[in-house]
């Protein structure tokens, strides 16, 4: 029985990885906002990691340094540096958090917001169409599995040899 379960897990893992490669291939063909492309080309210190940080900021609408660090799984100091470089490049703006003046809030610069939202909407639309076909319980299960996959991959990438304990599914 255990061998059959391992074979099924391997099949699903391989299928998931192949599909994720296909998705990444499509994402690479998308055109980021023109202002962001211009900023990336005109600043030697901006790299692909800045595009990722920009995408996270665009998706969250507005965020803090700590939230960006948590979302990307990076140190707060690294997130702060990325944000400073994106602010200096003119693609995001930082302002004081009105609810807590010790923090600052970061968002996509006004001139890039419409393009960023259009790109985000283009990425979200197919996901919404798929999720629309399923019940909430099914979507919750997909998210639970995806979060577990994400945590395991991040854990493995950090060369931590002990797998993350994952509860056995209740349905068996």
N, C-alpha and C. Protein backbone atom coordinates (compact mmCIF):
# COMPACT_ATOMS: atom_id res chain seq x y z
N UNK A 1 0.82 -1.20 0.00
CA UNK A 1 0.00 0.00 0.00
C UNK A 1 0.86 1.25 0.00
N UNK A 2 1.93 1.24 0.83
CA UNK A 2 2.81 2.40 0.91
C UNK A 2 3.49 2.65 -0.44
N UNK A 3 3.89 1.58 -1.15
CA UNK A 3 4.53 1.71 -2.45
C UNK A 3 3.57 2.36 -3.45
N UNK A 4 2.30 1.98 -3.41
CA UNK A 4 1.29 2.55 -4.31
C UNK A 4 1.09 4.04 -4.01
N UNK A 5 1.08 4.39 -2.71
CA UNK A 5 0.92 5.79 -2.32
C UNK A 5 2.12 6.61 -2.79
N UNK A 6 3.35 6.05 -2.68
CA UNK A 6 4.55 6.74 -3.14
C UNK A 6 4.52 6.93 -4.65
N UNK A 7 4.06 5.92 -5.38
CA UNK A 7 3.98 6.03 -6.84
C UNK A 7 2.98 7.11 -7.23
N UNK A 8 1.85 7.18 -6.55
CA UNK A 8 0.86 8.22 -6.83
C UNK A 8 1.43 9.60 -6.51
N UNK A 9 2.11 9.71 -5.37
CA UNK A 9 2.72 10.99 -4.98
C UNK A 9 3.75 11.42 -6.01
N UNK A 10 4.56 10.47 -6.50
CA UNK A 10 5.57 10.79 -7.51
C UNK A 10 4.91 11.25 -8.81
N UNK A 11 3.85 10.58 -9.22
CA UNK A 11 3.13 10.96 -10.45
C UNK A 11 2.58 12.38 -10.31
N UNK A 12 1.93 12.68 -9.20
CA UNK A 12 1.37 14.01 -8.99
C UNK A 12 2.46 15.06 -8.90
N UNK A 13 3.56 14.74 -8.23
CA UNK A 13 4.67 15.69 -8.10
C UNK A 13 5.25 16.02 -9.47
N UNK A 14 5.47 15.00 -10.28
CA UNK A 14 6.02 15.23 -11.62
C UNK A 14 5.04 16.02 -12.49
N UNK A 15 3.77 15.68 -12.43
CA UNK A 15 2.75 16.41 -13.21
C UNK A 15 2.69 17.87 -12.79
N UNK A 16 2.71 18.08 -11.48
CA UNK A 16 2.66 19.46 -10.97
C UNK A 16 3.87 20.25 -11.43
N UNK A 17 5.05 19.65 -11.34
CA UNK A 17 6.28 20.34 -11.74
C UNK A 17 6.26 20.65 -13.24
N UNK A 18 5.83 19.71 -14.05
CA UNK A 18 5.76 19.96 -15.49
C UNK A 18 4.78 21.09 -15.81
N UNK A 19 3.62 21.06 -15.15
CA UNK A 19 2.66 22.14 -15.38
C UNK A 19 3.20 23.48 -14.91
N UNK A 20 3.93 23.49 -13.79
CA UNK A 20 4.49 24.76 -13.31
C UNK A 20 5.52 25.29 -14.30
N UNK A 21 6.27 24.40 -14.97
CA UNK A 21 7.20 24.85 -16.00
C UNK A 21 6.44 25.51 -17.15
N UNK A 22 5.31 24.93 -17.52
CA UNK A 22 4.50 25.52 -18.60
C UNK A 22 4.00 26.90 -18.21
N UNK A 23 3.53 27.03 -16.96
CA UNK A 23 3.04 28.33 -16.48
C UNK A 23 4.16 29.35 -16.49
N UNK A 24 5.34 28.98 -16.00
CA UNK A 24 6.47 29.91 -15.98
C UNK A 24 6.85 30.32 -17.40
N UNK A 25 6.74 29.41 -18.36
CA UNK A 25 7.03 29.75 -19.75
C UNK A 25 6.11 30.83 -20.27
N UNK A 26 4.83 30.74 -19.92
CA UNK A 26 3.86 31.76 -20.33
C UNK A 26 4.17 33.08 -19.64
N UNK A 27 4.49 33.03 -18.34
CA UNK A 27 4.79 34.26 -17.60
C UNK A 27 5.99 34.98 -18.19
N UNK A 28 6.98 34.23 -18.67
CA UNK A 28 8.17 34.87 -19.23
C UNK A 28 7.86 35.65 -20.51
N UNK A 29 6.78 35.29 -21.17
CA UNK A 29 6.40 35.97 -22.41
C UNK A 29 5.58 37.23 -22.16
N UNK A 30 5.12 37.41 -20.91
CA UNK A 30 4.34 38.60 -20.59
C UNK A 30 5.24 39.82 -20.55
N UNK A 31 4.67 40.95 -20.89
CA UNK A 31 5.42 42.19 -20.89
C UNK A 31 5.13 42.96 -19.61
N UNK A 32 6.16 43.19 -18.80
CA UNK A 32 5.93 44.01 -17.59
C UNK A 32 5.64 45.45 -17.97
N UNK A 33 5.12 46.24 -17.04
CA UNK A 33 4.83 47.65 -17.33
C UNK A 33 6.04 48.37 -17.94
N UNK A 34 5.78 49.20 -18.95
CA UNK A 34 6.85 49.90 -19.68
C UNK A 34 7.73 50.72 -18.74
N UNK A 35 7.14 51.39 -17.76
CA UNK A 35 7.93 52.18 -16.82
C UNK A 35 8.88 51.33 -16.00
N UNK A 36 8.45 50.13 -15.67
CA UNK A 36 9.32 49.22 -14.93
C UNK A 36 10.46 48.73 -15.83
N UNK A 37 10.14 48.37 -17.05
CA UNK A 37 11.17 47.93 -18.00
C UNK A 37 12.21 49.03 -18.19
N UNK A 38 11.75 50.27 -18.37
CA UNK A 38 12.67 51.39 -18.55
C UNK A 38 13.55 51.57 -17.31
N UNK A 39 12.97 51.44 -16.13
CA UNK A 39 13.74 51.57 -14.89
C UNK A 39 14.77 50.45 -14.78
N UNK A 40 14.39 49.24 -15.13
CA UNK A 40 15.32 48.11 -15.06
C UNK A 40 16.49 48.31 -16.03
N UNK A 41 16.18 48.82 -17.21
CA UNK A 41 17.23 49.02 -18.21
C UNK A 41 18.16 50.18 -17.86
N UNK A 42 17.64 51.18 -17.17
CA UNK A 42 18.45 52.37 -16.90
C UNK A 42 19.20 52.30 -15.56
N UNK A 43 18.98 51.27 -14.79
CA UNK A 43 19.64 51.15 -13.49
C UNK A 43 20.44 49.85 -13.43
N UNK A 44 21.75 49.99 -13.34
CA UNK A 44 22.61 48.81 -13.30
C UNK A 44 22.38 47.96 -12.06
N UNK A 45 21.92 48.58 -10.98
CA UNK A 45 21.77 47.83 -9.73
C UNK A 45 20.43 47.09 -9.62
N UNK A 46 19.54 47.25 -10.60
CA UNK A 46 18.28 46.51 -10.57
C UNK A 46 18.44 45.20 -11.32
N UNK A 47 17.87 44.15 -10.74
CA UNK A 47 18.00 42.79 -11.27
C UNK A 47 16.63 42.11 -11.26
N UNK A 48 16.55 40.89 -11.76
CA UNK A 48 15.26 40.18 -11.75
C UNK A 48 14.61 40.11 -10.37
N UNK A 49 15.38 40.06 -9.31
CA UNK A 49 14.77 40.00 -7.96
C UNK A 49 13.94 41.27 -7.69
N UNK A 50 14.31 42.38 -8.33
CA UNK A 50 13.54 43.61 -8.17
C UNK A 50 12.17 43.48 -8.86
N UNK A 51 12.14 42.77 -9.98
CA UNK A 51 10.89 42.54 -10.69
C UNK A 51 9.96 41.69 -9.82
N UNK A 52 10.52 40.70 -9.13
CA UNK A 52 9.72 39.86 -8.23
C UNK A 52 9.17 40.72 -7.09
N UNK A 53 10.01 41.53 -6.48
CA UNK A 53 9.56 42.39 -5.38
C UNK A 53 8.49 43.35 -5.88
N UNK A 54 8.69 43.91 -7.06
CA UNK A 54 7.69 44.81 -7.64
C UNK A 54 6.36 44.09 -7.83
N UNK A 55 6.42 42.85 -8.34
CA UNK A 55 5.20 42.07 -8.57
C UNK A 55 4.46 41.80 -7.26
N UNK A 56 5.21 41.49 -6.21
CA UNK A 56 4.59 41.25 -4.90
C UNK A 56 3.93 42.52 -4.39
N UNK A 57 4.63 43.63 -4.50
CA UNK A 57 4.06 44.92 -4.06
C UNK A 57 2.80 45.23 -4.86
N UNK A 58 2.85 45.01 -6.17
CA UNK A 58 1.68 45.28 -7.02
C UNK A 58 0.51 44.38 -6.62
N UNK A 59 0.80 43.12 -6.31
CA UNK A 59 -0.28 42.20 -5.95
C UNK A 59 -0.90 42.56 -4.60
N UNK A 60 -0.08 42.99 -3.67
CA UNK A 60 -0.59 43.33 -2.34
C UNK A 60 -1.26 44.70 -2.31
N UNK A 61 -1.01 45.51 -3.32
CA UNK A 61 -1.59 46.86 -3.37
C UNK A 61 -0.72 47.85 -2.63
N UNK A 62 -0.55 47.62 -1.36
CA UNK A 62 0.44 48.36 -0.59
C UNK A 62 0.90 47.41 0.50
N UNK A 63 2.12 47.60 0.92
CA UNK A 63 2.71 46.67 1.88
C UNK A 63 3.76 47.38 2.71
N UNK A 64 4.24 46.68 3.72
CA UNK A 64 5.34 47.20 4.53
C UNK A 64 6.59 46.38 4.22
N UNK A 65 7.72 46.85 4.70
CA UNK A 65 8.97 46.12 4.51
C UNK A 65 8.85 44.73 5.11
N UNK A 66 8.32 44.64 6.31
CA UNK A 66 8.19 43.34 6.99
C UNK A 66 7.29 42.39 6.22
N UNK A 67 6.18 42.90 5.69
CA UNK A 67 5.27 42.05 4.92
C UNK A 67 5.93 41.55 3.65
N UNK A 68 6.69 42.42 2.97
CA UNK A 68 7.39 42.00 1.76
C UNK A 68 8.43 40.93 2.11
N UNK A 69 9.16 41.13 3.19
CA UNK A 69 10.17 40.15 3.61
C UNK A 69 9.52 38.80 3.90
N UNK A 70 8.41 38.82 4.61
CA UNK A 70 7.71 37.58 4.93
C UNK A 70 7.19 36.90 3.67
N UNK A 71 6.60 37.67 2.79
CA UNK A 71 6.03 37.11 1.56
C UNK A 71 7.10 36.48 0.68
N UNK A 72 8.26 37.11 0.61
CA UNK A 72 9.33 36.60 -0.25
C UNK A 72 10.27 35.63 0.46
N UNK A 73 10.14 35.53 1.78
CA UNK A 73 11.02 34.64 2.52
C UNK A 73 12.45 35.16 2.57
N UNK A 74 12.59 36.48 2.71
CA UNK A 74 13.91 37.10 2.77
C UNK A 74 14.02 37.90 4.06
N UNK A 75 15.24 38.31 4.38
CA UNK A 75 15.47 39.11 5.58
C UNK A 75 14.84 40.50 5.41
N UNK A 76 14.44 41.08 6.52
CA UNK A 76 13.85 42.42 6.50
C UNK A 76 14.85 43.41 5.91
N UNK A 77 16.13 43.26 6.23
CA UNK A 77 17.14 44.18 5.69
C UNK A 77 17.23 44.06 4.16
N UNK A 78 17.08 42.85 3.64
CA UNK A 78 17.11 42.65 2.18
C UNK A 78 15.88 43.28 1.54
N UNK A 79 14.71 43.08 2.17
CA UNK A 79 13.48 43.69 1.65
C UNK A 79 13.59 45.21 1.67
N UNK A 80 14.16 45.75 2.73
CA UNK A 80 14.33 47.19 2.84
C UNK A 80 15.23 47.72 1.72
N UNK A 81 16.32 47.01 1.45
CA UNK A 81 17.22 47.41 0.37
C UNK A 81 16.52 47.36 -0.98
N UNK A 82 15.77 46.28 -1.24
CA UNK A 82 15.04 46.16 -2.51
C UNK A 82 14.06 47.33 -2.67
N UNK A 83 13.34 47.64 -1.60
CA UNK A 83 12.37 48.74 -1.67
C UNK A 83 13.07 50.07 -1.92
N UNK A 84 14.16 50.31 -1.22
CA UNK A 84 14.90 51.56 -1.42
C UNK A 84 15.35 51.68 -2.87
N UNK A 85 15.84 50.59 -3.44
CA UNK A 85 16.30 50.62 -4.82
C UNK A 85 15.13 50.82 -5.79
N UNK A 86 13.98 50.23 -5.49
CA UNK A 86 12.80 50.44 -6.33
C UNK A 86 12.27 51.87 -6.21
N UNK A 87 12.35 52.44 -5.01
CA UNK A 87 11.97 53.85 -4.81
C UNK A 87 12.92 54.74 -5.60
N UNK A 88 14.23 54.49 -5.48
CA UNK A 88 15.22 55.28 -6.20
C UNK A 88 15.04 55.19 -7.71
N UNK A 89 14.57 54.02 -8.18
CA UNK A 89 14.34 53.83 -9.62
C UNK A 89 13.03 54.48 -10.07
N UNK A 90 12.22 54.92 -9.11
CA UNK A 90 10.98 55.61 -9.44
C UNK A 90 9.81 54.72 -9.79
N UNK A 91 9.85 53.44 -9.39
CA UNK A 91 8.74 52.54 -9.75
C UNK A 91 7.80 52.25 -8.58
N UNK A 92 8.26 52.49 -7.36
CA UNK A 92 7.37 52.38 -6.20
C UNK A 92 7.54 53.65 -5.37
N UNK A 93 6.54 53.88 -4.51
CA UNK A 93 6.63 55.04 -3.63
C UNK A 93 6.44 54.59 -2.20
N UNK A 94 7.12 55.28 -1.31
CA UNK A 94 7.05 54.97 0.11
C UNK A 94 6.45 56.18 0.82
N UNK A 95 5.53 55.89 1.75
CA UNK A 95 4.94 56.97 2.54
C UNK A 95 4.76 56.48 3.97
N UNK A 96 4.58 57.41 4.85
CA UNK A 96 4.38 57.08 6.26
C UNK A 96 3.03 56.36 6.43
N UNK A 97 3.02 55.32 7.24
CA UNK A 97 1.79 54.60 7.55
C UNK A 97 0.93 55.50 8.44
N UNK A 98 -0.28 55.86 7.99
CA UNK A 98 -1.10 56.78 8.79
C UNK A 98 -1.53 56.19 10.14
N UNK A 99 -1.54 54.86 10.26
CA UNK A 99 -1.96 54.24 11.53
C UNK A 99 -0.80 53.99 12.49
N UNK A 100 0.43 54.00 11.95
CA UNK A 100 1.61 53.76 12.79
C UNK A 100 2.79 54.49 12.16
N UNK A 101 3.09 55.66 12.68
CA UNK A 101 4.10 56.52 12.04
C UNK A 101 5.51 55.96 12.12
N UNK A 102 5.71 54.87 12.85
CA UNK A 102 7.03 54.23 12.89
C UNK A 102 7.28 53.39 11.64
N UNK A 103 6.21 53.05 10.94
CA UNK A 103 6.30 52.20 9.75
C UNK A 103 6.08 53.03 8.50
N UNK A 104 6.58 52.48 7.40
CA UNK A 104 6.26 53.09 6.11
C UNK A 104 5.52 52.07 5.26
N UNK A 105 4.71 52.57 4.36
CA UNK A 105 3.92 51.75 3.46
C UNK A 105 4.45 51.98 2.05
N UNK A 106 4.55 50.91 1.30
CA UNK A 106 5.08 50.98 -0.06
C UNK A 106 4.01 50.54 -1.04
N UNK A 107 3.91 51.23 -2.17
CA UNK A 107 2.96 50.85 -3.22
C UNK A 107 3.57 51.19 -4.58
N UNK A 108 2.96 50.66 -5.61
CA UNK A 108 3.39 50.96 -6.98
C UNK A 108 3.14 52.43 -7.25
N UNK A 109 4.10 53.08 -7.91
CA UNK A 109 3.97 54.49 -8.25
C UNK A 109 2.73 54.71 -9.10
N UNK A 110 2.06 55.81 -8.85
CA UNK A 110 0.79 56.13 -9.52
C UNK A 110 0.86 55.91 -11.04
N UNK A 111 1.91 56.37 -11.69
CA UNK A 111 2.02 56.26 -13.14
C UNK A 111 2.13 54.85 -13.67
N UNK A 112 2.46 53.90 -12.82
CA UNK A 112 2.59 52.50 -13.24
C UNK A 112 1.43 51.63 -12.76
N UNK A 113 0.58 52.21 -11.93
CA UNK A 113 -0.47 51.42 -11.27
C UNK A 113 -1.43 50.77 -12.27
N UNK A 114 -1.90 51.52 -13.25
CA UNK A 114 -2.88 50.97 -14.20
C UNK A 114 -2.29 49.81 -15.00
N UNK A 115 -1.05 49.98 -15.49
CA UNK A 115 -0.39 48.90 -16.23
C UNK A 115 -0.18 47.68 -15.35
N UNK A 116 0.24 47.91 -14.12
CA UNK A 116 0.50 46.82 -13.18
C UNK A 116 -0.79 46.07 -12.86
N UNK A 117 -1.86 46.81 -12.64
CA UNK A 117 -3.15 46.18 -12.34
C UNK A 117 -3.66 45.38 -13.54
N UNK A 118 -3.44 45.88 -14.74
CA UNK A 118 -3.87 45.16 -15.94
C UNK A 118 -3.09 43.84 -16.08
N UNK A 119 -1.79 43.87 -15.83
CA UNK A 119 -0.98 42.66 -15.90
C UNK A 119 -1.42 41.67 -14.82
N UNK A 120 -1.64 42.17 -13.62
CA UNK A 120 -2.09 41.32 -12.52
C UNK A 120 -3.45 40.71 -12.85
N UNK A 121 -4.34 41.51 -13.38
CA UNK A 121 -5.67 41.00 -13.74
C UNK A 121 -5.56 39.92 -14.81
N UNK A 122 -4.65 40.09 -15.76
CA UNK A 122 -4.45 39.08 -16.81
C UNK A 122 -3.96 37.77 -16.21
N UNK A 123 -3.14 37.84 -15.16
CA UNK A 123 -2.65 36.63 -14.50
C UNK A 123 -3.72 36.00 -13.61
N UNK A 124 -4.55 36.83 -12.99
CA UNK A 124 -5.57 36.31 -12.08
C UNK A 124 -6.77 35.73 -12.82
N UNK A 125 -7.10 36.25 -13.99
CA UNK A 125 -8.31 35.83 -14.70
C UNK A 125 -8.37 34.31 -14.94
N UNK A 126 -7.31 33.67 -15.46
CA UNK A 126 -7.43 32.23 -15.67
C UNK A 126 -7.55 31.45 -14.35
N UNK A 127 -6.91 31.95 -13.31
CA UNK A 127 -7.03 31.28 -12.00
C UNK A 127 -8.46 31.37 -11.50
N UNK A 128 -9.06 32.55 -11.64
CA UNK A 128 -10.46 32.72 -11.21
C UNK A 128 -11.39 31.80 -12.00
N UNK A 129 -11.15 31.71 -13.32
CA UNK A 129 -12.00 30.85 -14.15
C UNK A 129 -11.93 29.40 -13.69
N UNK A 130 -10.74 28.93 -13.35
CA UNK A 130 -10.60 27.55 -12.86
C UNK A 130 -11.24 27.40 -11.50
N UNK A 131 -10.90 28.28 -10.57
CA UNK A 131 -11.44 28.16 -9.21
C UNK A 131 -12.97 28.30 -9.19
N UNK A 132 -13.51 29.02 -10.15
CA UNK A 132 -14.95 29.19 -10.24
C UNK A 132 -15.69 27.86 -10.46
N UNK A 133 -14.99 26.88 -11.00
CA UNK A 133 -15.59 25.58 -11.30
C UNK A 133 -15.72 24.68 -10.07
N UNK A 134 -15.11 25.08 -8.96
CA UNK A 134 -15.03 24.21 -7.80
C UNK A 134 -15.73 24.80 -6.59
N UNK A 135 -16.05 23.93 -5.66
CA UNK A 135 -16.65 24.35 -4.39
C UNK A 135 -15.57 24.93 -3.50
N UNK A 136 -15.98 25.71 -2.52
CA UNK A 136 -15.05 26.34 -1.59
C UNK A 136 -14.17 25.30 -0.90
N UNK A 137 -14.73 24.18 -0.50
CA UNK A 137 -13.96 23.14 0.19
C UNK A 137 -12.85 22.60 -0.71
N UNK A 138 -13.14 22.46 -1.99
CA UNK A 138 -12.12 21.98 -2.93
C UNK A 138 -11.02 23.02 -3.11
N UNK A 139 -11.42 24.28 -3.21
CA UNK A 139 -10.42 25.34 -3.36
C UNK A 139 -9.56 25.44 -2.10
N UNK A 140 -10.19 25.28 -0.92
CA UNK A 140 -9.43 25.30 0.33
C UNK A 140 -8.39 24.18 0.34
N UNK A 141 -8.77 23.00 -0.16
CA UNK A 141 -7.84 21.88 -0.21
C UNK A 141 -6.68 22.17 -1.16
N UNK A 142 -7.00 22.73 -2.31
CA UNK A 142 -5.94 23.09 -3.28
C UNK A 142 -4.96 24.08 -2.64
N UNK A 143 -5.49 25.10 -1.96
CA UNK A 143 -4.62 26.09 -1.31
C UNK A 143 -3.80 25.44 -0.20
N UNK A 144 -4.41 24.56 0.56
CA UNK A 144 -3.68 23.86 1.63
C UNK A 144 -2.52 23.05 1.05
N UNK A 145 -2.79 22.34 -0.03
CA UNK A 145 -1.74 21.55 -0.69
C UNK A 145 -0.67 22.47 -1.26
N UNK A 146 -1.09 23.55 -1.91
CA UNK A 146 -0.12 24.47 -2.51
C UNK A 146 0.76 25.12 -1.45
N UNK A 147 0.15 25.52 -0.33
CA UNK A 147 0.94 26.10 0.76
C UNK A 147 1.94 25.07 1.32
N UNK A 148 1.49 23.83 1.47
CA UNK A 148 2.40 22.78 1.96
C UNK A 148 3.54 22.55 0.96
N UNK A 149 3.22 22.55 -0.34
CA UNK A 149 4.26 22.42 -1.37
C UNK A 149 5.26 23.57 -1.29
N UNK A 150 4.74 24.77 -1.17
CA UNK A 150 5.60 25.95 -1.08
C UNK A 150 6.53 25.85 0.11
N UNK A 151 5.97 25.53 1.28
CA UNK A 151 6.79 25.42 2.50
C UNK A 151 7.85 24.34 2.36
N UNK A 152 7.50 23.21 1.78
CA UNK A 152 8.46 22.11 1.62
C UNK A 152 9.58 22.49 0.66
N UNK A 153 9.23 23.15 -0.45
CA UNK A 153 10.24 23.56 -1.42
C UNK A 153 11.17 24.61 -0.81
N UNK A 154 10.61 25.59 -0.11
CA UNK A 154 11.43 26.61 0.54
C UNK A 154 12.32 25.96 1.60
N UNK A 155 11.75 25.05 2.36
CA UNK A 155 12.50 24.33 3.39
C UNK A 155 13.67 23.57 2.76
N UNK A 156 13.41 22.84 1.68
CA UNK A 156 14.45 22.06 1.00
C UNK A 156 15.51 22.97 0.39
N UNK A 157 15.10 24.12 -0.14
CA UNK A 157 16.04 25.05 -0.76
C UNK A 157 17.03 25.61 0.26
N UNK A 158 16.62 25.64 1.51
CA UNK A 158 17.51 26.12 2.57
C UNK A 158 18.42 25.01 3.07
N UNK A 159 18.41 23.87 2.36
CA UNK A 159 19.24 22.72 2.69
C UNK A 159 18.98 22.17 4.09
N UNK A 160 17.75 22.26 4.50
CA UNK A 160 17.36 21.69 5.79
C UNK A 160 16.91 20.26 5.51
N UNK A 161 17.61 19.31 6.11
CA UNK A 161 17.39 17.91 5.75
C UNK A 161 16.13 17.30 6.33
N UNK A 162 15.57 17.86 7.38
CA UNK A 162 14.39 17.28 7.99
C UNK A 162 13.14 17.79 7.30
N UNK A 163 12.32 16.86 6.74
CA UNK A 163 11.09 17.33 6.09
C UNK A 163 10.14 17.98 7.08
N UNK A 164 9.33 18.89 6.57
CA UNK A 164 8.33 19.54 7.41
C UNK A 164 7.24 18.53 7.71
N UNK A 165 6.86 18.38 8.99
CA UNK A 165 5.78 17.42 9.28
C UNK A 165 4.46 17.93 8.70
N UNK A 166 3.81 17.06 7.97
CA UNK A 166 2.54 17.40 7.35
C UNK A 166 1.50 16.40 7.86
N UNK A 167 0.38 16.92 8.31
CA UNK A 167 -0.66 16.04 8.82
C UNK A 167 -1.19 15.16 7.71
N UNK A 168 -1.53 13.92 8.07
CA UNK A 168 -2.15 13.01 7.10
C UNK A 168 -3.54 13.53 6.76
N UNK A 169 -3.93 13.39 5.48
CA UNK A 169 -5.27 13.85 5.10
C UNK A 169 -6.35 13.11 5.89
N UNK A 170 -7.38 13.81 6.24
CA UNK A 170 -8.46 13.23 7.04
C UNK A 170 -9.29 12.24 6.23
N UNK A 171 -9.33 12.42 4.89
CA UNK A 171 -10.15 11.55 4.05
C UNK A 171 -9.41 10.30 3.61
N UNK A 172 -8.17 10.18 4.01
CA UNK A 172 -7.46 9.00 3.84
C UNK A 172 -6.61 8.61 2.81
